[in-house]
Amino acid sequence: MYIGIDLGTTVCKGFLYDEFGTVKAEFHEEYSLIFRAEFIEQDAEQWWEITKKAIRSLLSDSGFPHIQALSFSTQSISFVPVDPN
C-alpha cells in the first residue's frame, strides 16, 4: 500500500493506493488561512495535525495496517521557520 498526501493552499488531500494504483481510501479536509494586512499565513502545526489525521484515517478506512511508501506534495512558495534564528 502507498499513501500520497497533498497539502494544498486550503485543503489536505490524501489517497491510499494498492500496488496496481487503485485507490483504496481517500481523505480530504479543509483548513483555514490567516489573513494579515499584506500577506496570508497558515499554521504549520495545523498542517502537521491534519497530516497525522489523514494518515490515520486512510489506514483505518482501508483495513490495511502497513504502507510501503509515503509521498508528499506541498505548496511551492511556502516555508516554515523552525527556530528564532
PDB file of N, CA and C in Angstrom:
ATOM      1  N   MET A   1       0.847  -1.180   0.000  1.00  0.00           N
ATOM      2  CA  MET A   1       0.000   0.000   0.000  1.00  0.00           C
ATOM      3  C   MET A   1       0.895   1.246   0.000  1.00  0.00           C
ATOM      4  N   TYR A   2       0.407   2.288  -0.650  1.00  0.00           N
ATOM      5  CA  TYR A   2       1.149   3.531  -0.805  1.00  0.00           C
ATOM      6  C   TYR A   2       0.225   4.692  -0.463  1.00  0.00           C
ATOM      7  N   ILE A   3       0.775   5.694   0.242  1.00  0.00           N
ATOM      8  CA  ILE A   3      -0.007   6.869   0.609  1.00  0.00           C
ATOM      9  C   ILE A   3       0.575   8.097  -0.080  1.00  0.00           C
ATOM     10  N   GLY A   4      -0.308   8.913  -0.641  1.00  0.00           N
ATOM     11  CA  GLY A   4       0.053  10.210  -1.185  1.00  0.00           C
ATOM     12  C   GLY A   4      -0.716  11.281  -0.440  1.00  0.00           C
ATOM     13  N   ILE A   5       0.006  12.312   0.035  1.00  0.00           N
ATOM     14  CA  ILE A   5      -0.608  13.431   0.752  1.00  0.00           C
ATOM     15  C   ILE A   5      -0.319  14.712  -0.030  1.00  0.00           C
ATOM     16  N   ASP A   6      -1.349  15.499  -0.274  1.00  0.00           N
ATOM     17  CA  ASP A   6      -1.204  16.787  -0.941  1.00  0.00           C
ATOM     18  C   ASP A   6      -1.681  17.875   0.008  1.00  0.00           C
ATOM     19  N   LEU A   7      -0.740  18.675   0.511  1.00  0.00           N
ATOM     20  CA  LEU A   7      -1.074  19.825   1.356  1.00  0.00           C
ATOM     21  C   LEU A   7      -1.190  21.043   0.453  1.00  0.00           C
ATOM     22  N   GLY A   8      -2.394  21.310   0.006  1.00  0.00           N
ATOM     23  CA  GLY A   8      -2.632  22.434  -0.882  1.00  0.00           C
ATOM     24  C   GLY A   8      -2.834  23.723  -0.115  1.00  0.00           C
ATOM     25  N   THR A   9      -3.289  24.729  -0.812  1.00  0.00           N
ATOM     26  CA  THR A   9      -3.466  26.040  -0.205  1.00  0.00           C
ATOM     27  C   THR A   9      -4.540  26.045   0.875  1.00  0.00           C
ATOM     28  N   THR A  10      -5.633  25.325   0.654  1.00  0.00           N
ATOM     29  CA  THR A  10      -6.728  25.351   1.627  1.00  0.00           C
ATOM     30  C   THR A  10      -7.265  23.975   1.997  1.00  0.00           C
ATOM     31  N   VAL A  11      -6.708  22.923   1.432  1.00  0.00           N
ATOM     32  CA  VAL A  11      -7.218  21.576   1.736  1.00  0.00           C
ATOM     33  C   VAL A  11      -6.080  20.557   1.725  1.00  0.00           C
ATOM     34  N   CYS A  12      -6.195  19.601   2.612  1.00  0.00           N
ATOM     35  CA  CYS A  12      -5.288  18.451   2.638  1.00  0.00           C
ATOM     36  C   CYS A  12      -6.039  17.288   1.993  1.00  0.00           C
ATOM     37  N   LYS A  13      -5.414  16.691   0.983  1.00  0.00           N
ATOM     38  CA  LYS A  13      -5.998  15.523   0.326  1.00  0.00           C
ATOM     39  C   LYS A  13      -5.042  14.353   0.524  1.00  0.00           C
ATOM     40  N   GLY A  14      -5.606  13.193   0.776  1.00  0.00           N
ATOM     41  CA  GLY A  14      -4.796  12.002   0.929  1.00  0.00           C
ATOM     42  C   GLY A  14      -5.443  10.834   0.221  1.00  0.00           C
ATOM     43  N   PHE A  15      -4.596   9.964  -0.315  1.00  0.00           N
ATOM     44  CA  PHE A  15      -5.081   8.782  -1.016  1.00  0.00           C
ATOM     45  C   PHE A  15      -4.228   7.590  -0.629  1.00  0.00           C
ATOM     46  N   LEU A  16      -4.861   6.454  -0.523  1.00  0.00           N
ATOM     47  CA  LEU A  16      -4.177   5.187  -0.295  1.00  0.00           C
ATOM     48  C   LEU A  16      -4.352   4.348  -1.554  1.00  0.00           C
ATOM     49  N   TYR A  17      -3.235   3.890  -2.123  1.00  0.00           N
ATOM     50  CA  TYR A  17      -3.246   3.112  -3.351  1.00  0.00           C
ATOM     51  C   TYR A  17      -2.697   1.713  -3.101  1.00  0.00           C
ATOM     52  N   ASP A  18      -3.177   0.771  -3.881  1.00  0.00           N
ATOM     53  CA  ASP A  18      -2.559  -0.555  -3.831  1.00  0.00           C
ATOM     54  C   ASP A  18      -1.423  -0.605  -4.857  1.00  0.00           C
ATOM     55  N   GLU A  19      -0.805  -1.764  -5.014  1.00  0.00           N
ATOM     56  CA  GLU A  19       0.356  -1.896  -5.907  1.00  0.00           C
ATOM     57  C   GLU A  19      -0.001  -1.713  -7.385  1.00  0.00           C
ATOM     58  N   PHE A  20      -1.286  -1.716  -7.716  1.00  0.00           N
ATOM     59  CA  PHE A  20      -1.723  -1.517  -9.095  1.00  0.00           C
ATOM     60  C   PHE A  20      -2.189  -0.090  -9.361  1.00  0.00           C
ATOM     61  N   GLY A  21      -2.121   0.780  -8.348  1.00  0.00           N
ATOM     62  CA  GLY A  21      -2.537   2.167  -8.495  1.00  0.00           C
ATOM     63  C   GLY A  21      -4.022   2.389  -8.264  1.00  0.00           C
ATOM     64  N   THR A  22      -4.699   1.374  -7.751  1.00  0.00           N
ATOM     65  CA  THR A  22      -6.119   1.501  -7.452  1.00  0.00           C
ATOM     66  C   THR A  22      -6.305   2.223  -6.122  1.00  0.00           C
ATOM     67  N   VAL A  23      -7.160   3.240  -6.104  1.00  0.00           N
ATOM     68  CA  VAL A  23      -7.430   3.983  -4.868  1.00  0.00           C
ATOM     69  C   VAL A  23      -8.242   3.097  -3.925  1.00  0.00           C
ATOM     70  N   LYS A  24      -7.706   2.904  -2.724  1.00  0.00           N
ATOM     71  CA  LYS A  24      -8.376   2.076  -1.721  1.00  0.00           C
ATOM     72  C   LYS A  24      -9.054   2.910  -0.632  1.00  0.00           C
ATOM     73  N   ALA A  25      -8.597   4.139  -0.447  1.00  0.00           N
ATOM     74  CA  ALA A  25      -9.202   5.036   0.539  1.00  0.00           C
ATOM     75  C   ALA A  25      -8.838   6.467   0.171  1.00  0.00           C
ATOM     76  N   GLU A  26      -9.705   7.410   0.558  1.00  0.00           N
ATOM     77  CA  GLU A  26      -9.488   8.836   0.283  1.00  0.00           C
ATOM     78  C   GLU A  26      -9.747   9.648   1.548  1.00  0.00           C
ATOM     79  N   PHE A  27      -9.073  10.801   1.627  1.00  0.00           N
ATOM     80  CA  PHE A  27      -9.255  11.729   2.741  1.00  0.00           C
ATOM     81  C   PHE A  27      -9.149  13.139   2.175  1.00  0.00           C
ATOM     82  N   HIS A  28      -9.980  14.038   2.653  1.00  0.00           N
ATOM     83  CA  HIS A  28      -9.805  15.462   2.353  1.00  0.00           C
ATOM     84  C   HIS A  28     -10.446  16.280   3.471  1.00  0.00           C
ATOM     85  N   GLU A  29      -9.737  17.327   3.836  1.00  0.00           N
ATOM     86  CA  GLU A  29     -10.239  18.228   4.876  1.00  0.00           C
ATOM     87  C   GLU A  29      -9.659  19.617   4.639  1.00  0.00           C
ATOM     88  N   GLU A  30     -10.520  20.613   4.741  1.00  0.00           N
ATOM     89  CA  GLU A  30     -10.092  21.999   4.565  1.00  0.00           C
ATOM     90  C   GLU A  30      -9.440  22.528   5.838  1.00  0.00           C
ATOM     91  N   TYR A  31      -8.578  23.518   5.655  1.00  0.00           N
ATOM     92  CA  TYR A  31      -8.004  24.236   6.794  1.00  0.00           C
ATOM     93  C   TYR A  31      -7.990  25.720   6.463  1.00  0.00           C
ATOM     94  N   SER A  32      -7.812  26.516   7.486  1.00  0.00           N
ATOM     95  CA  SER A  32      -8.025  27.955   7.341  1.00  0.00           C
ATOM     96  C   SER A  32      -6.768  28.713   6.929  1.00  0.00           C
ATOM     97  N   LEU A  33      -7.009  29.882   6.378  1.00  0.00           N
ATOM     98  CA  LEU A  33      -5.962  30.848   6.084  1.00  0.00           C
ATOM     99  C   LEU A  33      -6.014  31.935   7.149  1.00  0.00           C
ATOM    100  N   ILE A  34      -4.863  32.504   7.480  1.00  0.00           N
ATOM    101  CA  ILE A  34      -4.773  33.609   8.445  1.00  0.00           C
ATOM    102  C   ILE A  34      -4.429  34.863   7.643  1.00  0.00           C
ATOM    103  N   PHE A  35      -5.380  35.775   7.543  1.00  0.00           N
ATOM    104  CA  PHE A  35      -5.187  36.979   6.737  1.00  0.00           C
ATOM    105  C   PHE A  35      -4.543  38.084   7.568  1.00  0.00           C
ATOM    106  N   ARG A  36      -3.448  38.615   7.078  1.00  0.00           N
ATOM    107  CA  ARG A  36      -2.749  39.765   7.672  1.00  0.00           C
ATOM    108  C   ARG A  36      -2.914  40.952   6.707  1.00  0.00           C
ATOM    109  N   ALA A  37      -2.430  42.098   7.098  1.00  0.00           N
ATOM    110  CA  ALA A  37      -2.595  43.298   6.277  1.00  0.00           C
ATOM    111  C   ALA A  37      -2.026  43.126   4.867  1.00  0.00           C
ATOM    112  N   GLU A  38      -0.820  42.582   4.752  1.00  0.00           N
ATOM    113  CA  GLU A  38      -0.170  42.499   3.445  1.00  0.00           C
ATOM    114  C   GLU A  38       0.155  41.082   2.994  1.00  0.00           C
ATOM    115  N   PHE A  39      -0.232  40.082   3.768  1.00  0.00           N
ATOM    116  CA  PHE A  39       0.108  38.719   3.398  1.00  0.00           C
ATOM    117  C   PHE A  39      -0.853  37.734   4.052  1.00  0.00           C
ATOM    118  N   ILE A  40      -0.706  36.490   3.694  1.00  0.00           N
ATOM    119  CA  ILE A  40      -1.536  35.413   4.241  1.00  0.00           C
ATOM    120  C   ILE A  40      -0.619  34.370   4.857  1.00  0.00           C
ATOM    121  N   GLU A  41      -1.000  33.874   6.031  1.00  0.00           N
ATOM    122  CA  GLU A  41      -0.234  32.831   6.713  1.00  0.00           C
ATOM    123  C   GLU A  41      -1.096  31.593   6.893  1.00  0.00           C
ATOM    124  N   GLN A  42      -0.424  30.508   7.244  1.00  0.00           N
ATOM    125  CA  GLN A  42      -1.103  29.306   7.689  1.00  0.00           C
ATOM    126  C   GLN A  42      -0.354  28.768   8.894  1.00  0.00           C
ATOM    127  N   ASP A  43      -1.037  27.971   9.668  1.00  0.00           N
ATOM    128  CA  ASP A  43      -0.474  27.401  10.887  1.00  0.00           C
ATOM    129  C   ASP A  43       0.191  26.067  10.559  1.00  0.00           C
ATOM    130  N   ALA A  44       1.512  26.007  10.627  1.00  0.00           N
ATOM    131  CA  ALA A  44       2.241  24.773  10.306  1.00  0.00           C
ATOM    132  C   ALA A  44       1.874  23.639  11.266  1.00  0.00           C
ATOM    133  N   GLU A  45       1.533  23.970  12.486  1.00  0.00           N
ATOM    134  CA  GLU A  45       1.096  22.933  13.434  1.00  0.00           C
ATOM    135  C   GLU A  45      -0.215  22.313  12.958  1.00  0.00           C
ATOM    136  N   GLN A  46      -1.081  23.119  12.367  1.00  0.00           N
ATOM    137  CA  GLN A  46      -2.329  22.603  11.809  1.00  0.00           C
ATOM    138  C   GLN A  46      -2.038  21.666  10.634  1.00  0.00           C
ATOM    139  N   TRP A  47      -1.055  21.993   9.805  1.00  0.00           N
ATOM    140  CA  TRP A  47      -0.643  21.098   8.717  1.00  0.00           C
ATOM    141  C   TRP A  47      -0.231  19.736   9.280  1.00  0.00           C
ATOM    142  N   TRP A  48       0.592  19.778  10.331  1.00  0.00           N
ATOM    143  CA  TRP A  48       1.088  18.544  10.942  1.00  0.00           C
ATOM    144  C   TRP A  48      -0.067  17.713  11.514  1.00  0.00           C
ATOM    145  N   GLU A  49      -0.967  18.369  12.237  1.00  0.00           N
ATOM    146  CA  GLU A  49      -2.090  17.651  12.852  1.00  0.00           C
ATOM    147  C   GLU A  49      -3.021  17.039  11.795  1.00  0.00           C
ATOM    148  N   ILE A  50      -3.306  17.789  10.743  1.00  0.00           N
ATOM    149  CA  ILE A  50      -4.205  17.262   9.713  1.00  0.00           C
ATOM    150  C   ILE A  50      -3.522  16.164   8.900  1.00  0.00           C
ATOM    151  N   THR A  51      -2.208  16.243   8.729  1.00  0.00           N
ATOM    152  CA  THR A  51      -1.478  15.179   8.035  1.00  0.00           C
ATOM    153  C   THR A  51      -1.543  13.884   8.834  1.00  0.00           C
ATOM    154  N   LYS A  52      -1.341  13.982  10.158  1.00  0.00           N
ATOM    155  CA  LYS A  52      -1.460  12.777  11.000  1.00  0.00           C
ATOM    156  C   LYS A  52      -2.875  12.218  10.936  1.00  0.00           C
ATOM    157  N   LYS A  53      -3.864  13.107  10.959  1.00  0.00           N
ATOM    158  CA  LYS A  53      -5.263  12.687  10.880  1.00  0.00           C
ATOM    159  C   LYS A  53      -5.538  11.985   9.551  1.00  0.00           C
ATOM    160  N   ALA A  54      -4.994  12.519   8.477  1.00  0.00           N
ATOM    161  CA  ALA A  54      -5.186  11.922   7.152  1.00  0.00           C
ATOM    162  C   ALA A  54      -4.613  10.512   7.103  1.00  0.00           C
ATOM    163  N   ILE A  55      -3.409  10.345   7.599  1.00  0.00           N
ATOM    164  CA  ILE A  55      -2.765   9.028   7.566  1.00  0.00           C
ATOM    165  C   ILE A  55      -3.541   8.034   8.419  1.00  0.00           C
ATOM    166  N   ARG A  56      -3.934   8.449   9.613  1.00  0.00           N
ATOM    167  CA  ARG A  56      -4.738   7.557  10.469  1.00  0.00           C
ATOM    168  C   ARG A  56      -6.044   7.170   9.782  1.00  0.00           C
ATOM    169  N   SER A  57      -6.700   8.142   9.181  1.00  0.00           N
ATOM    170  CA  SER A  57      -7.975   7.891   8.511  1.00  0.00           C
ATOM    171  C   SER A  57      -7.798   6.936   7.334  1.00  0.00           C
ATOM    172  N   LEU A  58      -6.794   7.175   6.515  1.00  0.00           N
ATOM    173  CA  LEU A  58      -6.563   6.312   5.353  1.00  0.00           C
ATOM    174  C   LEU A  58      -6.298   4.875   5.779  1.00  0.00           C
ATOM    175  N   LEU A  59      -5.493   4.714   6.801  1.00  0.00           N
ATOM    176  CA  LEU A  59      -5.173   3.360   7.257  1.00  0.00           C
ATOM    177  C   LEU A  59      -6.382   2.683   7.898  1.00  0.00           C
ATOM    178  N   SER A  60      -7.144   3.424   8.691  1.00  0.00           N
ATOM    179  CA  SER A  60      -8.290   2.791   9.361  1.00  0.00           C
ATOM    180  C   SER A  60      -9.426   2.510   8.384  1.00  0.00           C
ATOM    181  N   ASP A  61      -9.653   3.405   7.428  1.00  0.00           N
ATOM    182  CA  ASP A  61     -10.721   3.201   6.445  1.00  0.00           C
ATOM    183  C   ASP A  61     -10.442   2.030   5.521  1.00  0.00           C
ATOM    184  N   SER A  62      -9.164   1.790   5.263  1.00  0.00           N
ATOM    185  CA  SER A  62      -8.813   0.773   4.279  1.00  0.00           C
ATOM    186  C   SER A  62      -8.738  -0.631   4.863  1.00  0.00           C
ATOM    187  N   GLY A  63      -8.443  -0.729   6.151  1.00  0.00           N
ATOM    188  CA  GLY A  63      -8.238  -2.038   6.751  1.00  0.00           C
ATOM    189  C   GLY A  63      -6.841  -2.579   6.525  1.00  0.00           C
ATOM    190  N   PHE A  64      -5.953  -1.792   5.895  1.00  0.00           N
ATOM    191  CA  PHE A  64      -4.569  -2.212   5.663  1.00  0.00           C
ATOM    192  C   PHE A  64      -3.667  -1.547   6.696  1.00  0.00           C
ATOM    193  N   PRO A  65      -2.998  -2.299   7.546  1.00  0.00           N
ATOM    194  CA  PRO A  65      -2.226  -1.704   8.634  1.00  0.00           C
ATOM    195  C   PRO A  65      -0.825  -1.224   8.252  1.00  0.00           C
ATOM    196  N   HIS A  66      -0.322  -1.598   7.076  1.00  0.00           N
ATOM    197  CA  HIS A  66       1.066  -1.272   6.729  1.00  0.00           C
ATOM    198  C   HIS A  66       1.130  -0.550   5.384  1.00  0.00           C
ATOM    199  N   ILE A  67       2.121   0.328   5.264  1.00  0.00           N
ATOM    200  CA  ILE A  67       2.336   1.016   3.996  1.00  0.00           C
ATOM    201  C   ILE A  67       3.772   0.787   3.540  1.00  0.00           C
ATOM    202  N   GLN A  68       3.973   0.811   2.229  1.00  0.00           N
ATOM    203  CA  GLN A  68       5.301   0.632   1.640  1.00  0.00           C
ATOM    204  C   GLN A  68       6.013   1.973   1.448  1.00  0.00           C
ATOM    205  N   ALA A  69       5.252   3.006   1.125  1.00  0.00           N
ATOM    206  CA  ALA A  69       5.856   4.310   0.837  1.00  0.00           C
ATOM    207  C   ALA A  69       4.852   5.412   1.130  1.00  0.00           C
ATOM    208  N   LEU A  70       5.408   6.592   1.392  1.00  0.00           N
ATOM    209  CA  LEU A  70       4.616   7.783   1.684  1.00  0.00           C
ATOM    210  C   LEU A  70       5.198   8.929   0.865  1.00  0.00           C
ATOM    211  N   SER A  71       4.349   9.658   0.145  1.00  0.00           N
ATOM    212  CA  SER A  71       4.807  10.760  -0.688  1.00  0.00           C
ATOM    213  C   SER A  71       4.006  12.019  -0.353  1.00  0.00           C
ATOM    214  N   PHE A  72       4.685  13.179  -0.412  1.00  0.00           N
ATOM    215  CA  PHE A  72       4.048  14.456  -0.109  1.00  0.00           C
ATOM    216  C   PHE A  72       4.178  15.428  -1.268  1.00  0.00           C
ATOM    217  N   SER A  73       3.142  16.220  -1.452  1.00  0.00           N
ATOM    218  CA  SER A  73       3.164  17.350  -2.356  1.00  0.00           C
ATOM    219  C   SER A  73       2.694  18.542  -1.529  1.00  0.00           C
ATOM    220  N   THR A  74       3.408  19.668  -1.630  1.00  0.00           N
ATOM    221  CA  THR A  74       3.048  20.840  -0.832  1.00  0.00           C
ATOM    222  C   THR A  74       3.034  22.093  -1.700  1.00  0.00           C
ATOM    223  N   GLN A  75       2.672  23.177  -1.081  1.00  0.00           N
ATOM    224  CA  GLN A  75       2.649  24.474  -1.753  1.00  0.00           C
ATOM    225  C   GLN A  75       4.088  24.862  -2.107  1.00  0.00           C
ATOM    226  N   SER A  76       4.315  25.280  -3.322  1.00  0.00           N
ATOM    227  CA  SER A  76       5.685  25.533  -3.780  1.00  0.00           C
ATOM    228  C   SER A  76       6.322  26.781  -3.176  1.00  0.00           C
ATOM    229  N   ILE A  77       5.539  27.764  -2.794  1.00  0.00           N
ATOM    230  CA  ILE A  77       6.144  29.011  -2.315  1.00  0.00           C
ATOM    231  C   ILE A  77       6.141  29.131  -0.793  1.00  0.00           C
ATOM    232  N   SER A  78       5.785  28.075  -0.105  1.00  0.00           N
ATOM    233  CA  SER A  78       5.689  28.131   1.357  1.00  0.00           C
ATOM    234  C   SER A  78       7.005  27.738   2.017  1.00  0.00           C
ATOM    235  N   PHE A  79       7.215  28.260   3.212  1.00  0.00           N
ATOM    236  CA  PHE A  79       8.346  27.852   4.028  1.00  0.00           C
ATOM    237  C   PHE A  79       7.917  27.873   5.484  1.00  0.00           C
ATOM    238  N   VAL A  80       8.631  27.120   6.317  1.00  0.00           N
ATOM    239  CA  VAL A  80       8.309  27.038   7.739  1.00  0.00           C
ATOM    240  C   VAL A  80       9.580  27.302   8.531  1.00  0.00           C
ATOM    241  N   PRO A  81       9.692  28.460   9.204  1.00  0.00           N
ATOM    242  CA  PRO A  81      10.841  28.694  10.090  1.00  0.00           C
ATOM    243  C   PRO A  81      10.779  27.702  11.258  1.00  0.00           C
ATOM    244  N   VAL A  82      11.913  27.150  11.619  1.00  0.00           N
ATOM    245  CA  VAL A  82      11.920  26.130  12.657  1.00  0.00           C
ATOM    246  C   VAL A  82      12.499  26.603  13.992  1.00  0.00           C
ATOM    247  N   ASP A  83      13.105  27.803  14.000  1.00  0.00           N
ATOM    248  CA  ASP A  83      13.561  28.377  15.257  1.00  0.00           C
ATOM    249  C   ASP A  83      13.722  29.894  15.083  1.00  0.00           C
ATOM    250  N   PRO A  84      13.951  30.617  16.161  1.00  0.00           N
ATOM    251  CA  PRO A  84      14.009  32.086  16.071  1.00  0.00           C
ATOM    252  C   PRO A  84      15.120  32.625  15.174  1.00  0.00           C
ATOM    253  N   ASN A  85      16.178  31.864  14.917  1.00  0.00           N
ATOM    254  CA  ASN A  85      17.297  32.343  14.114  1.00  0.00           C
ATOM    255  C   ASN A  85      17.094  32.056  12.640  1.00  0.00           C
TER     256      ASN A  85
END
